[in-house]
Amino acid sequence: MFQAIVFSRGVEEAREKMFSGEKINFTEGRAVLHIALRNRSNTPIHVDGKDVMPEVNRVLEKMKAFCHKVRSGEWKGFSGKSITDVVNIGIGGSDLGPLMVTEALKPYSAGGPNVWFVSNIDGTHMAKTLAQLNAETTLFIIASKTFTTQETITNAESAKDWFLQTANDVSEFIYLFLLQAKVKDFGIDTANMFEFWDWVGGRYSLWSAIGLSIALHIGFDNFEQLLAGAHWMDNHFRTAPLDQNVPVLLAILGVWYVNFFQAETHAMLPYDQYMHRFAAYFQQGDMESNGKYITKDGTRVNYHTGPIVWGEPGTNGQHAFYQLIHQGTRMIPADFLIPAQSQHPIRDNLHHKILVANFLAQTEALMKGKTPDEARRELEASGMKGDALDKLLPHKVFEGNKPSNSFVFKKLTPFMLGALVAMYEHKIFVQGVMWNINSYDQWGVELGKQLAKKIEPELKDDSEVSSHDSSTNGLINFLKKNFA
């Protein structure tokens, strides 16, 4: 039935339009071609009649050469010392993807610089980071399409002020850009700029020059393996029959739970500490993509669309929120992910075997549950009986039949991580097509930005504000009275 729905919603046609470079992001008039960034086959992909692959490969070669210079020590800081630390300044897709990947692939970072990520406009984020750095050995990456994002501009200016207290210029600043005109006044040498294109969506940009911090940290060879894993999944998604197509099957399951069982959330539960940012990354990937209520036809949907995405690594989550998954009143579909091999098999792999046992036990418990008869026998075996047993019994019952997917892979390598990320990207794409929404714009982030621009000037003096609703007026005036 669901395969018929997938066919009727035009998933296969939409997939070909994406891979062919058509402008499926119709509200912004853009192609959606993150798949071109990892196109290891170099098969031509055209946008407006132009093959984009030569430009993609040119930037990759420039990234490769730069990574070699930094990691080998050939690239020196202003005082002649080698680079030991790289700070990525960006927000949203310019931060979440590189942060997630560098954390997940930390075991592959030997010989690379430390990486730091500053995203939040809260000065604490920048101040705490700079306090741990030496300007002589630090390289800054400014990751911004247009150099207009307020958080990134402000953080970049603050980093520049700190850096110029010691250095004479900003030669250790690298800019990842869509438009370079905005940064001329900043002082960055054009040779230190790495291009990407308007067909690269922010939340799909880790495969582009936005991934420079990744390549510096784990080495360009490993970065290419990350791309290769994603490309492998791209080929699977494009060619596998629908009934054997993993992203399609995941999308169908997700739509089934959301639209037929009223599931409101989706838990992502990696049983690998290195993947501790995986769920946070796909909070943007999924919710910014499919958190929409307007269809491609411009009408309001009469069904639910994207779920709330959340999660933590196992086994931490077991001691925090699994209670709700097992015995709460809401259905919470969950994805469990685990490598068969640990990066750190300490104590004869004892830790990992305990981790695996918990992984398997949780998915089995969600499926099978515990019946009243099983709970009764368990309580009786413990010596409990009579009224005490009857009162406790209902609390010990697990309904079971809770949906989960288990992803078991040999080891978390760059290739495997690339494949996993691409798998979820394509799942999100298919669900967007099935819900008839544009998964590649994000107009929902605009209103808050517009209102913040109105409020910011009102915070510059002590005068009372009355131009907003009563709640906002009260909050503004309270904050102004208590700034100092």
Protein backbone atom coordinates (compact mmCIF):
# COMPACT_ATOMS: atom_id res chain seq x y z
CA MET A 1 0.00 0.00 0.00
CA PHE A 2 2.67 2.48 1.01
CA GLN A 3 4.80 1.76 -2.02
CA ALA A 4 1.76 2.66 -4.08
CA ILE A 5 1.49 5.93 -2.14
CA VAL A 6 5.19 6.64 -2.72
CA PHE A 7 4.65 6.08 -6.43
CA SER A 8 1.48 8.17 -6.53
CA ARG A 9 3.17 11.08 -4.73
CA GLY A 10 5.82 11.22 -7.43
CA VAL A 11 8.83 10.31 -5.28
CA GLU A 12 10.74 8.72 -8.15
CA GLU A 13 10.15 11.70 -10.42
CA ALA A 14 11.14 14.14 -7.66
CA ARG A 15 14.28 12.12 -6.98
CA GLU A 16 15.35 12.35 -10.62
CA LYS A 17 14.67 16.07 -10.66
CA MET A 18 16.98 16.54 -7.66
CA PHE A 19 19.79 14.41 -9.12
CA SER A 20 19.39 16.16 -12.48
CA GLY A 21 19.89 19.64 -11.05
CA GLU A 22 16.34 20.92 -11.50
CA LYS A 23 15.37 23.78 -9.18
CA ILE A 24 13.19 21.77 -6.82
CA ASN A 25 13.60 24.45 -4.13
CA PHE A 26 11.02 26.48 -5.99
CA THR A 27 10.42 29.18 -3.35
CA GLU A 28 14.05 30.28 -3.64
CA GLY A 29 14.57 29.26 -7.27
CA ARG A 30 17.46 26.94 -6.47
CA ALA A 31 18.65 23.47 -7.34
CA VAL A 32 19.30 21.07 -4.44
CA LEU A 33 22.63 19.46 -5.21
CA HIS A 34 24.47 18.46 -2.07
CA ILE A 35 24.73 15.13 -3.88
CA ALA A 36 27.09 16.82 -6.39
CA LEU A 37 29.52 17.69 -3.62
CA ARG A 38 30.18 13.99 -3.00
CA ASN A 39 29.78 12.79 -6.60
CA ARG A 40 32.88 10.60 -6.66
CA SER A 41 31.98 9.26 -10.10
CA ASN A 42 32.38 12.77 -11.57
CA THR A 43 29.38 12.12 -13.79
CA PRO A 44 28.32 15.53 -15.11
CA ILE A 45 25.56 17.27 -13.16
CA HIS A 46 24.11 20.37 -14.76
CA VAL A 47 22.53 23.52 -13.34
CA ASP A 48 21.26 26.01 -15.91
CA GLY A 49 23.06 24.04 -18.61
CA LYS A 50 26.46 24.15 -16.87
CA ASP A 51 28.25 21.11 -15.45
CA VAL A 52 29.00 21.93 -11.80
CA MET A 53 31.52 19.13 -11.26
CA PRO A 54 34.64 21.01 -12.49
CA GLU A 55 33.99 23.75 -9.92
CA VAL A 56 33.28 21.20 -7.17
CA ASN A 57 36.56 19.42 -7.91
CA ARG A 58 38.49 22.69 -8.08
CA VAL A 59 37.37 23.62 -4.56
CA LEU A 60 38.10 20.11 -3.28
CA GLU A 61 41.64 20.32 -4.68
CA LYS A 62 42.11 23.70 -3.02
CA MET A 63 40.88 22.25 0.28
CA LYS A 64 43.25 19.29 -0.10
CA ALA A 65 46.27 21.53 -0.67
CA PHE A 66 45.35 23.78 2.24
CA CYS A 67 44.84 20.82 4.59
CA HIS A 68 48.26 19.48 3.68
CA LYS A 69 49.89 22.83 4.40
CA VAL A 70 48.25 23.18 7.81
CA ARG A 71 48.63 19.58 8.96
CA SER A 72 52.25 19.31 7.76
CA GLY A 73 53.24 22.52 9.52
CA GLU A 74 54.05 24.32 6.27
CA TRP A 75 51.34 26.90 7.00
CA LYS A 76 52.64 29.04 9.83
CA GLY A 77 50.96 31.47 12.16
CA PHE A 78 52.02 35.11 12.20
CA SER A 79 54.96 34.40 14.54
CA GLY A 80 56.24 31.43 12.55
CA LYS A 81 54.71 28.71 14.70
CA SER A 82 52.64 25.83 13.33
CA ILE A 83 48.87 25.83 13.70
CA THR A 84 47.60 23.78 16.65
CA ASP A 85 44.01 25.02 16.87
CA VAL A 86 41.27 25.84 14.36
CA VAL A 87 38.17 27.82 15.34
CA ASN A 88 35.09 27.45 13.14
CA ILE A 89 32.81 30.49 13.46
CA GLY A 90 29.36 29.81 12.02
CA ILE A 91 25.84 28.89 13.03
CA GLY A 92 23.17 26.45 11.90
CA GLY A 93 24.41 24.33 9.02
CA SER A 94 27.78 26.08 9.14
CA ASP A 95 28.27 24.73 12.65
CA LEU A 96 26.11 21.70 13.41
CA GLY A 97 27.41 19.46 10.62
CA PRO A 98 31.14 20.07 11.08
CA LEU A 99 30.74 19.85 14.86
CA MET A 100 28.87 16.55 14.66
CA VAL A 101 31.35 15.00 12.23
CA THR A 102 34.51 16.12 14.01
CA GLU A 103 33.15 14.70 17.25
CA ALA A 104 32.05 11.44 15.62
CA LEU A 105 35.39 10.94 13.87
CA LYS A 106 37.66 12.07 16.67
CA PRO A 107 39.56 8.74 16.57
CA TYR A 108 40.73 9.66 13.05
CA SER A 109 42.18 13.04 14.01
CA ALA A 110 45.80 12.04 14.70
CA GLY A 111 48.15 14.63 13.25
CA GLY A 112 45.45 17.25 12.90
CA PRO A 113 44.82 20.47 14.82
CA ASN A 114 42.29 20.74 17.60
CA VAL A 115 38.97 22.13 16.41
CA TRP A 116 36.70 24.54 18.24
CA PHE A 117 33.25 25.72 17.26
CA VAL A 118 31.72 29.08 18.16
CA SER A 119 28.11 29.60 17.11
CA ASN A 120 26.12 31.26 19.85
CA ILE A 121 25.84 35.05 19.96
CA ASP A 122 26.05 34.71 23.74
CA GLY A 123 29.48 36.20 24.49
CA THR A 124 30.20 33.36 26.85
CA HIS A 125 30.72 31.00 23.92
CA MET A 126 33.40 33.15 22.32
CA ALA A 127 35.03 34.25 25.58
CA LYS A 128 35.41 30.72 26.95
CA THR A 129 36.86 29.52 23.65
CA LEU A 130 39.38 32.33 23.24
CA ALA A 131 40.53 31.90 26.84
CA GLN A 132 41.92 28.50 25.88
CA LEU A 133 43.76 29.60 22.74
CA ASN A 134 47.10 31.09 21.73
CA ALA A 135 46.75 33.61 18.89
CA GLU A 136 50.15 32.60 17.52
CA THR A 137 48.97 29.06 16.75
CA THR A 138 45.27 29.62 16.00
CA LEU A 139 43.51 29.63 12.64
CA PHE A 140 39.97 31.03 12.29
CA ILE A 141 37.42 29.81 9.76
CA ILE A 142 34.45 32.09 9.11
CA ALA A 143 31.70 29.92 7.67
CA SER A 144 28.97 32.07 6.16
CA LYS A 145 27.29 32.14 2.77
CA THR A 146 26.91 35.89 2.51
CA PHE A 147 28.63 37.34 5.60
CA THR A 148 25.29 38.77 6.71
CA THR A 149 24.30 36.39 9.53
CA GLN A 150 24.36 38.56 12.64
CA GLU A 151 25.69 35.92 15.00
CA THR A 152 28.54 34.97 12.68
CA ILE A 153 29.51 38.56 11.81
CA THR A 154 29.54 39.60 15.47
CA ASN A 155 31.55 36.57 16.55
CA ALA A 156 34.00 37.05 13.67
CA GLU A 157 34.53 40.71 14.60
CA SER A 158 35.11 39.76 18.24
CA ALA A 159 37.62 37.09 17.22
CA LYS A 160 39.34 39.63 14.98
CA ASP A 161 39.59 42.16 17.83
CA TRP A 162 41.14 39.50 20.09
CA PHE A 163 43.52 38.33 17.37
CA LEU A 164 44.74 41.84 16.48
CA GLN A 165 45.75 42.46 20.06
CA THR A 166 48.73 40.26 19.18
CA ALA A 167 48.89 40.06 15.37
CA ASN A 168 49.23 42.79 12.76
CA ASP A 169 46.64 41.49 10.29
CA VAL A 170 44.04 38.77 9.81
CA SER A 171 46.15 36.47 7.66
CA GLU A 172 45.07 33.53 9.82
CA PHE A 173 41.40 34.00 8.93
CA ILE A 174 39.81 31.76 6.29
CA TYR A 175 36.44 32.58 4.71
CA LEU A 176 34.00 30.04 3.30
CA PHE A 177 31.69 31.98 1.02
CA LEU A 178 28.91 32.21 -1.51
CA LEU A 179 29.45 35.95 -2.03
CA GLN A 180 32.85 37.49 -1.29
CA ALA A 181 32.05 41.17 -1.74
CA LYS A 182 30.83 41.51 1.84
CA VAL A 183 34.20 40.55 3.37
CA LYS A 184 36.54 42.96 1.60
CA ASP A 185 36.42 45.37 4.52
CA PHE A 186 37.18 42.56 6.95
CA GLY A 187 40.69 42.23 5.54
CA ILE A 188 40.76 38.59 4.49
CA ASP A 189 43.02 37.75 1.55
CA THR A 190 41.00 36.40 -1.38
CA ALA A 191 43.50 33.53 -1.56
CA ASN A 192 42.12 32.42 1.81
CA MET A 193 38.56 32.10 0.55
CA PHE A 194 36.86 28.83 -0.34
CA GLU A 195 33.74 28.93 -2.50
CA PHE A 196 30.45 27.10 -2.38
CA TRP A 197 27.23 27.68 -4.31
CA ASP A 198 23.60 28.67 -3.88
CA TRP A 199 22.50 25.11 -4.64
CA VAL A 200 24.13 23.99 -1.39
CA GLY A 201 21.60 24.25 1.43
CA GLY A 202 23.05 25.22 4.79
CA ARG A 203 21.90 22.08 6.59
CA TYR A 204 23.35 19.96 3.78
CA SER A 205 26.65 21.84 3.50
CA LEU A 206 29.12 19.76 5.53
CA TRP A 207 30.12 18.08 2.24
CA SER A 208 31.24 21.45 0.81
CA ALA A 209 33.94 23.92 1.83
CA ILE A 210 31.90 24.30 5.03
CA GLY A 211 33.52 20.96 5.90
CA LEU A 212 37.01 22.49 5.87
CA SER A 213 37.26 22.16 9.65
CA ILE A 214 36.43 18.47 9.25
CA ALA A 215 39.14 17.95 6.64
CA LEU A 216 41.70 19.81 8.74
CA HIS A 217 40.88 17.74 11.80
CA ILE A 218 40.71 14.22 10.31
CA GLY A 219 42.82 14.75 7.18
CA PHE A 220 41.68 15.12 3.60
CA ASP A 221 41.93 11.40 2.83
CA ASN A 222 39.41 10.69 5.57
CA PHE A 223 37.24 13.58 4.38
CA GLU A 224 37.17 11.94 0.96
CA GLN A 225 36.09 8.69 2.61
CA LEU A 226 33.23 10.60 4.24
CA LEU A 227 32.20 11.83 0.79
CA ALA A 228 32.57 8.32 -0.63
CA GLY A 229 30.24 6.84 1.98
CA ALA A 230 27.60 9.45 1.19
CA HIS A 231 28.03 8.85 -2.55
CA TRP A 232 27.54 5.12 -2.02
CA MET A 233 24.23 5.86 -0.28
CA ASP A 234 23.27 8.31 -3.04
CA ASN A 235 23.68 5.52 -5.58
CA HIS A 236 21.65 3.13 -3.44
CA PHE A 237 18.87 5.69 -3.04
CA ARG A 238 18.79 6.48 -6.74
CA THR A 239 18.89 2.91 -8.08
CA ALA A 240 17.49 0.46 -5.52
CA PRO A 241 13.89 -0.74 -5.99
CA LEU A 242 11.46 1.00 -3.67
CA ASP A 243 10.84 -2.13 -1.60
CA GLN A 244 14.60 -2.49 -0.98
CA ASN A 245 15.46 1.20 -0.74
CA VAL A 246 16.51 2.02 2.81
CA PRO A 247 15.79 5.79 2.80
CA VAL A 248 12.41 5.15 1.17
CA LEU A 249 11.48 2.46 3.69
CA LEU A 250 12.50 4.70 6.60
CA ALA A 251 10.44 7.53 5.13
CA ILE A 252 7.40 5.28 4.76
CA LEU A 253 7.69 4.11 8.36
CA GLY A 254 8.01 7.69 9.58
CA VAL A 255 4.93 8.83 7.66
CA TRP A 256 3.05 5.77 8.91
CA TYR A 257 3.78 6.60 12.54
CA VAL A 258 3.16 10.36 12.21
CA ASN A 259 -0.01 10.27 10.13
CA PHE A 260 -1.66 7.05 11.24
CA PHE A 261 -0.54 6.70 14.86
CA GLN A 262 -0.20 10.40 15.74
CA ALA A 263 3.47 10.10 16.69
CA GLU A 264 4.73 13.59 17.47
CA THR A 265 8.41 12.89 17.99
CA HIS A 266 11.22 10.71 16.72
CA ALA A 267 14.09 9.62 18.97
CA MET A 268 17.61 9.09 17.62
CA LEU A 269 19.62 6.98 20.05
CA PRO A 270 23.22 6.25 19.03
CA TYR A 271 24.99 3.75 21.25
CA ASP A 272 28.36 5.33 20.57
CA GLN A 273 29.63 8.25 22.63
CA TYR A 274 31.41 9.71 19.62
CA MET A 275 27.98 10.20 18.01
CA HIS A 276 26.72 12.37 20.86
CA ARG A 277 25.91 15.25 18.47
CA PHE A 278 24.11 13.07 15.90
CA ALA A 279 20.58 13.78 17.12
CA ALA A 280 21.30 17.50 17.49
CA TYR A 281 22.51 17.61 13.90
CA PHE A 282 19.34 16.01 12.59
CA GLN A 283 17.17 18.27 14.69
CA GLN A 284 18.04 20.89 12.11
CA GLY A 285 18.24 18.44 9.23
CA ASP A 286 14.74 17.12 9.81
CA MET A 287 12.80 19.87 11.59
CA GLU A 288 14.06 22.77 9.48
CA SER A 289 13.38 20.72 6.35
CA ASN A 290 9.95 19.29 7.09
CA GLY A 291 8.60 21.59 9.79
CA LYS A 292 6.19 23.14 7.28
CA TYR A 293 2.40 23.55 7.08
CA ILE A 294 2.15 25.02 3.57
CA THR A 295 2.13 22.65 0.61
CA LYS A 296 3.84 23.18 -2.72
CA ASP A 297 0.44 24.32 -3.98
CA GLY A 298 0.34 27.14 -1.42
CA THR A 299 -2.45 25.61 0.66
CA ARG A 300 -2.42 24.60 4.31
CA VAL A 301 -1.96 20.90 5.01
CA ASN A 302 -4.74 19.00 6.78
CA TYR A 303 -2.32 16.42 8.19
CA HIS A 304 0.78 16.45 10.36
CA THR A 305 4.22 16.83 8.79
CA GLY A 306 7.71 16.64 10.31
CA PRO A 307 8.16 15.22 13.82
CA ILE A 308 10.14 16.66 16.70
CA VAL A 309 13.58 15.03 16.61
CA TRP A 310 15.54 14.44 19.79
CA GLY A 311 17.86 11.99 21.49
CA GLU A 312 20.99 11.27 23.49
CA PRO A 313 23.63 8.55 23.39
CA GLY A 314 22.93 5.23 25.06
CA THR A 315 23.12 4.31 27.86
CA ASN A 316 22.75 7.87 29.19
CA GLY A 317 19.24 8.14 27.80
CA GLN A 318 18.17 4.97 29.58
CA HIS A 319 18.66 6.76 32.89
CA ALA A 320 16.90 9.92 31.72
CA PHE A 321 13.94 9.57 29.35
CA TYR A 322 13.46 5.93 28.33
CA GLN A 323 10.77 5.73 31.00
CA LEU A 324 8.59 7.87 28.71
CA ILE A 325 9.35 5.71 25.68
CA HIS A 326 8.47 2.49 27.50
CA GLN A 327 5.48 3.50 29.63
CA GLY A 328 4.43 6.96 28.48
CA THR A 329 1.13 7.71 26.76
CA ARG A 330 2.67 8.78 23.43
CA MET A 331 4.08 6.58 20.71
CA ILE A 332 7.75 7.48 20.23
CA PRO A 333 9.38 5.76 17.26
CA ALA A 334 13.09 5.37 17.91
CA ASP A 335 16.20 4.68 15.87
CA PHE A 336 18.95 2.77 17.69
CA LEU A 337 22.45 2.85 16.16
CA ILE A 338 25.53 0.92 17.27
CA PRO A 339 28.90 -0.23 15.87
CA ALA A 340 29.90 -3.86 16.32
CA GLN A 341 33.45 -2.71 17.04
CA SER A 342 34.37 -0.14 19.66
CA GLN A 343 37.04 2.48 19.07
CA HIS A 344 38.19 1.76 22.64
CA PRO A 345 37.79 -1.94 23.56
CA ILE A 346 39.10 -1.44 27.09
CA ARG A 347 39.10 -4.23 29.69
CA ASP A 348 38.93 -6.94 27.05
CA ASN A 349 35.99 -5.16 25.40
CA LEU A 350 33.93 -5.37 28.60
CA HIS A 351 32.48 -1.87 28.27
CA HIS A 352 31.38 -2.42 24.71
CA LYS A 353 29.76 -5.77 25.44
CA ILE A 354 27.74 -4.18 28.24
CA LEU A 355 26.78 -1.39 25.82
CA VAL A 356 25.71 -3.92 23.18
CA ALA A 357 23.70 -5.91 25.73
CA ASN A 358 21.80 -2.76 26.68
CA PHE A 359 21.23 -1.83 23.03
CA LEU A 360 19.72 -5.23 22.30
CA ALA A 361 17.74 -5.34 25.53
CA GLN A 362 16.08 -1.98 24.93
CA THR A 363 14.86 -2.78 21.44
CA GLU A 364 13.61 -6.20 22.57
CA ALA A 365 11.84 -4.64 25.55
CA LEU A 366 10.15 -2.05 23.35
CA MET A 367 8.93 -4.78 21.02
CA LYS A 368 7.88 -7.48 23.51
CA GLY A 369 7.00 -5.55 26.65
CA LYS A 370 6.00 -7.48 29.77
CA THR A 371 2.52 -8.96 30.25
CA PRO A 372 0.59 -8.89 33.56
CA ASP A 373 1.17 -12.64 33.92
CA GLU A 374 4.91 -12.24 33.42
CA ALA A 375 5.01 -9.37 35.88
CA ARG A 376 2.99 -11.39 38.42
CA ARG A 377 5.34 -14.37 38.19
CA GLU A 378 8.31 -12.08 38.60
CA LEU A 379 6.86 -10.47 41.73
CA GLU A 380 5.87 -13.81 43.20
CA ALA A 381 9.39 -15.11 42.63
CA SER A 382 10.69 -12.15 44.63
CA GLY A 383 8.49 -13.16 47.58
CA MET A 384 5.75 -10.57 47.13
CA LYS A 385 2.10 -11.60 47.46
CA GLY A 386 -1.39 -10.45 48.42
CA ASP A 387 -2.47 -6.81 48.32
CA ALA A 388 1.10 -5.55 48.04
CA LEU A 389 1.57 -7.56 44.84
CA ASP A 390 -1.77 -6.46 43.38
CA LYS A 391 -1.00 -2.78 44.03
CA LEU A 392 2.43 -2.93 42.44
CA LEU A 393 1.51 -5.23 39.54
CA PRO A 394 0.09 -2.64 37.05
CA HIS A 395 3.21 -0.51 37.45
CA LYS A 396 5.41 -3.43 36.37
CA VAL A 397 3.56 -4.07 33.10
CA PHE A 398 5.03 -2.95 29.76
CA GLU A 399 2.64 -2.81 26.82
CA GLY A 400 5.32 -3.44 24.21
CA ASN A 401 4.64 -3.03 20.48
CA LYS A 402 6.71 0.18 20.55
CA PRO A 403 8.33 0.83 17.15
CA SER A 404 12.08 0.99 16.73
CA ASN A 405 14.69 0.60 13.99
CA SER A 406 18.08 -0.95 14.73
CA PHE A 407 21.13 0.06 12.70
CA VAL A 408 24.17 -2.13 13.36
CA PHE A 409 27.38 -1.47 11.45
CA LYS A 410 30.87 -2.88 11.74
CA LYS A 411 32.67 0.29 12.88
CA LEU A 412 32.10 4.03 12.86
CA THR A 413 34.47 4.99 10.05
CA PRO A 414 34.39 8.11 7.87
CA PHE A 415 32.81 6.04 5.08
CA MET A 416 30.12 4.64 7.37
CA LEU A 417 29.29 8.02 8.88
CA GLY A 418 28.92 9.49 5.40
CA ALA A 419 26.53 6.71 4.44
CA LEU A 420 24.45 7.13 7.60
CA VAL A 421 24.11 10.89 7.19
CA ALA A 422 23.14 10.57 3.52
CA MET A 423 20.60 7.87 4.43
CA TYR A 424 18.78 10.25 6.75
CA GLU A 425 19.06 13.13 4.27
CA HIS A 426 17.27 11.08 1.64
CA LYS A 427 14.68 9.86 4.13
CA ILE A 428 13.86 13.51 4.88
CA PHE A 429 13.62 14.24 1.14
CA VAL A 430 11.17 11.38 0.54
CA GLN A 431 8.97 12.44 3.45
CA GLY A 432 8.88 15.99 2.15
CA VAL A 433 7.67 14.72 -1.21
CA MET A 434 5.04 12.50 0.43
CA TRP A 435 3.79 15.45 2.49
CA ASN A 436 3.92 17.71 -0.61
CA ILE A 437 6.09 20.35 1.05
CA ASN A 438 9.35 22.06 0.09
CA SER A 439 12.02 20.52 2.32
CA TYR A 440 14.72 22.97 1.21
CA ASP A 441 13.60 26.43 2.31
CA GLN A 442 13.36 27.73 5.88
CA TRP A 443 11.12 30.77 5.98
CA GLY A 444 10.19 29.95 9.55
CA VAL A 445 13.49 31.39 10.81
CA GLU A 446 12.83 34.84 9.32
CA LEU A 447 10.17 36.38 11.56
CA GLY A 448 12.22 36.16 14.74
CA LYS A 449 15.18 37.78 12.98
CA GLN A 450 13.01 40.65 11.74
CA LEU A 451 11.59 41.33 15.19
CA ALA A 452 15.04 41.13 16.80
CA LYS A 453 16.24 43.90 14.46
CA LYS A 454 13.40 46.11 15.72
CA ILE A 455 14.07 45.33 19.37
CA GLU A 456 17.86 45.73 19.35
CA PRO A 457 17.87 49.56 18.96
CA GLU A 458 15.32 49.81 21.78
CA LEU A 459 17.87 48.31 24.17
CA LYS A 460 20.42 51.10 23.68
CA ASP A 461 18.96 53.62 26.14
CA ASP A 462 16.93 53.72 29.34
CA SER A 463 13.65 54.95 27.86
CA GLU A 464 10.57 52.86 28.54
CA VAL A 465 9.31 50.80 25.60
CA SER A 466 5.60 50.58 24.77
CA SER A 467 5.53 49.67 21.06
CA HIS A 468 5.01 45.92 21.50
CA ASP A 469 2.41 43.71 23.12
CA SER A 470 2.13 44.05 26.90
CA SER A 471 4.16 40.91 27.62
CA THR A 472 7.06 41.89 25.37
CA ASN A 473 7.00 45.50 26.63
CA GLY A 474 7.21 44.26 30.20
CA LEU A 475 10.08 41.90 29.47
CA ILE A 476 12.06 44.55 27.57
CA ASN A 477 11.63 47.14 30.30
CA PHE A 478 12.57 44.69 33.05
CA LEU A 479 15.73 43.67 31.20
CA LYS A 480 16.74 47.27 30.53
CA LYS A 481 16.42 48.11 34.22
CA ASN A 482 18.62 45.17 35.14
CA PHE A 483 21.35 45.25 32.48
CA ALA A 484 23.94 46.71 34.83
